[in-house]
Amino acid sequence: MEILIPISMFLAVFGIVYLYLSTRNKERLALIEKGADASIFMKGKSHTAPIWKVLILNLALLLMGIGIGVFIAMLLTEYTTLDEDAVYPAIIFFMAGASLFLGFKMTKELDKE
């Protein structure tokens, strides 16, 4: 019974990837049949930032956000009467989300350059 979980996870991921690739292929074939130029498939790739820059930027901001979240949560539990069990996860997740949002905005600026 325990083996069903990894098998079902693998099948779900495989199904999603297969559906994505087959749908993309069908869309491209339909566009080619209508006489569309093949250069439209490469249109968005020339102006995007390298993936390693985006990953490093978002990872750095995420780790800084988590660190700031821990620091703010520590200050809140030390100087207020708020419950420590509720403050730490709330502030950490909030700051992590805020840092990822900031990373999204900064990534959009990287794409413009």
Protein backbone atom coordinates (compact mmCIF):
# COMPACT_ATOMS: atom_id res chain seq x y z
CA MET A 1 0.00 0.00 0.00
CA GLU A 2 2.87 2.39 0.78
CA ILE A 3 4.29 1.93 -2.72
CA LEU A 4 1.19 3.52 -4.25
CA ILE A 5 2.16 7.01 -3.10
CA PRO A 6 5.47 7.28 -5.02
CA ILE A 7 3.95 5.55 -8.04
CA SER A 8 0.99 7.93 -8.10
CA MET A 9 3.31 10.95 -7.68
CA PHE A 10 5.45 9.76 -10.60
CA LEU A 11 2.40 9.14 -12.76
CA ALA A 12 0.99 12.57 -11.96
CA VAL A 13 4.22 14.36 -12.86
CA PHE A 14 4.63 12.24 -15.99
CA GLY A 15 1.04 12.96 -17.03
CA ILE A 16 1.45 16.72 -16.60
CA VAL A 17 4.71 16.80 -18.57
CA TYR A 18 3.25 14.60 -21.32
CA LEU A 19 0.13 16.76 -21.59
CA TYR A 20 2.21 19.95 -21.76
CA LEU A 21 4.57 18.65 -24.43
CA SER A 22 1.89 17.05 -26.59
CA THR A 23 -0.32 20.16 -26.45
CA ARG A 24 2.61 22.42 -27.34
CA ASN A 25 3.50 20.17 -30.27
CA LYS A 26 -0.09 20.19 -31.57
CA GLU A 27 -0.27 23.99 -31.32
CA ARG A 28 2.97 24.38 -33.23
CA LEU A 29 1.87 21.96 -35.95
CA ALA A 30 -1.41 23.83 -36.34
CA LEU A 31 0.43 27.15 -36.69
CA ILE A 32 2.83 25.70 -39.25
CA GLU A 33 -0.09 24.27 -41.26
CA LYS A 34 -1.62 27.75 -41.39
CA GLY A 35 1.63 29.14 -42.76
CA ALA A 36 2.97 30.89 -39.65
CA ASP A 37 6.69 31.61 -39.57
CA ALA A 38 8.76 29.35 -37.29
CA SER A 39 10.46 32.37 -35.72
CA ILE A 40 7.41 32.99 -33.51
CA PHE A 41 8.46 30.03 -31.36
CA MET A 42 11.73 31.75 -30.45
CA LYS A 43 10.26 35.23 -30.00
CA GLY A 44 10.34 35.42 -26.21
CA LYS A 45 13.67 33.70 -25.67
CA SER A 46 16.04 36.38 -26.94
CA HIS A 47 15.01 39.08 -24.45
CA THR A 48 14.87 37.06 -21.24
CA ALA A 49 17.48 37.07 -18.52
CA PRO A 50 19.59 33.93 -18.08
CA ILE A 51 17.91 31.40 -15.81
CA TRP A 52 20.87 31.26 -13.42
CA LYS A 53 20.57 34.98 -12.71
CA VAL A 54 16.88 34.64 -11.94
CA LEU A 55 17.44 31.62 -9.67
CA ILE A 56 20.27 33.25 -7.75
CA LEU A 57 18.33 36.49 -7.35
CA ASN A 58 15.20 34.76 -6.08
CA LEU A 59 17.11 32.36 -3.81
CA ALA A 60 19.12 35.20 -2.28
CA LEU A 61 16.00 37.30 -1.67
CA LEU A 62 14.14 34.30 -0.24
CA LEU A 63 16.90 33.52 2.24
CA MET A 64 17.19 37.18 3.25
CA GLY A 65 13.41 37.34 3.69
CA ILE A 66 13.43 34.26 5.92
CA GLY A 67 16.28 35.71 7.99
CA ILE A 68 14.49 39.03 8.40
CA GLY A 69 11.29 37.14 9.24
CA VAL A 70 13.02 35.20 12.03
CA PHE A 71 14.52 38.43 13.37
CA ILE A 72 11.19 40.29 13.36
CA ALA A 73 9.41 37.31 14.93
CA MET A 74 12.04 37.17 17.67
CA LEU A 75 11.57 40.89 18.36
CA LEU A 76 7.78 40.50 18.46
CA THR A 77 7.86 37.57 20.88
CA GLU A 78 10.45 39.28 23.08
CA TYR A 79 8.73 42.66 23.41
CA THR A 80 5.03 41.74 23.11
CA THR A 81 2.72 39.19 24.64
CA LEU A 82 2.01 37.48 21.32
CA ASP A 83 2.10 33.69 21.19
CA GLU A 84 5.46 32.43 19.94
CA ASP A 85 3.92 29.39 18.21
CA ALA A 86 1.80 31.64 16.00
CA VAL A 87 4.18 34.55 15.41
CA TYR A 88 7.19 32.67 14.03
CA PRO A 89 5.48 30.83 11.13
CA ALA A 90 3.29 33.82 10.27
CA ILE A 91 6.12 36.33 10.05
CA ILE A 92 8.52 33.91 8.33
CA PHE A 93 5.99 33.00 5.63
CA PHE A 94 4.95 36.62 5.19
CA MET A 95 8.52 37.83 4.77
CA ALA A 96 9.38 34.92 2.46
CA GLY A 97 6.37 35.76 0.28
CA ALA A 98 7.23 39.44 0.27
CA SER A 99 10.81 38.67 -0.76
CA LEU A 100 9.64 36.39 -3.58
CA PHE A 101 7.30 39.13 -4.78
CA LEU A 102 10.22 41.57 -4.73
CA GLY A 103 12.24 38.98 -6.67
CA PHE A 104 9.47 38.77 -9.26
CA LYS A 105 9.52 42.54 -9.71
CA MET A 106 13.31 42.59 -9.97
CA THR A 107 13.24 39.73 -12.51
CA LYS A 108 10.90 41.75 -14.69
CA GLU A 109 13.47 44.56 -14.63
CA LEU A 110 16.23 42.08 -15.55
CA ASP A 111 14.20 41.04 -18.59
CA LYS A 112 13.97 44.66 -19.76
CA GLU A 113 17.77 45.07 -19.82
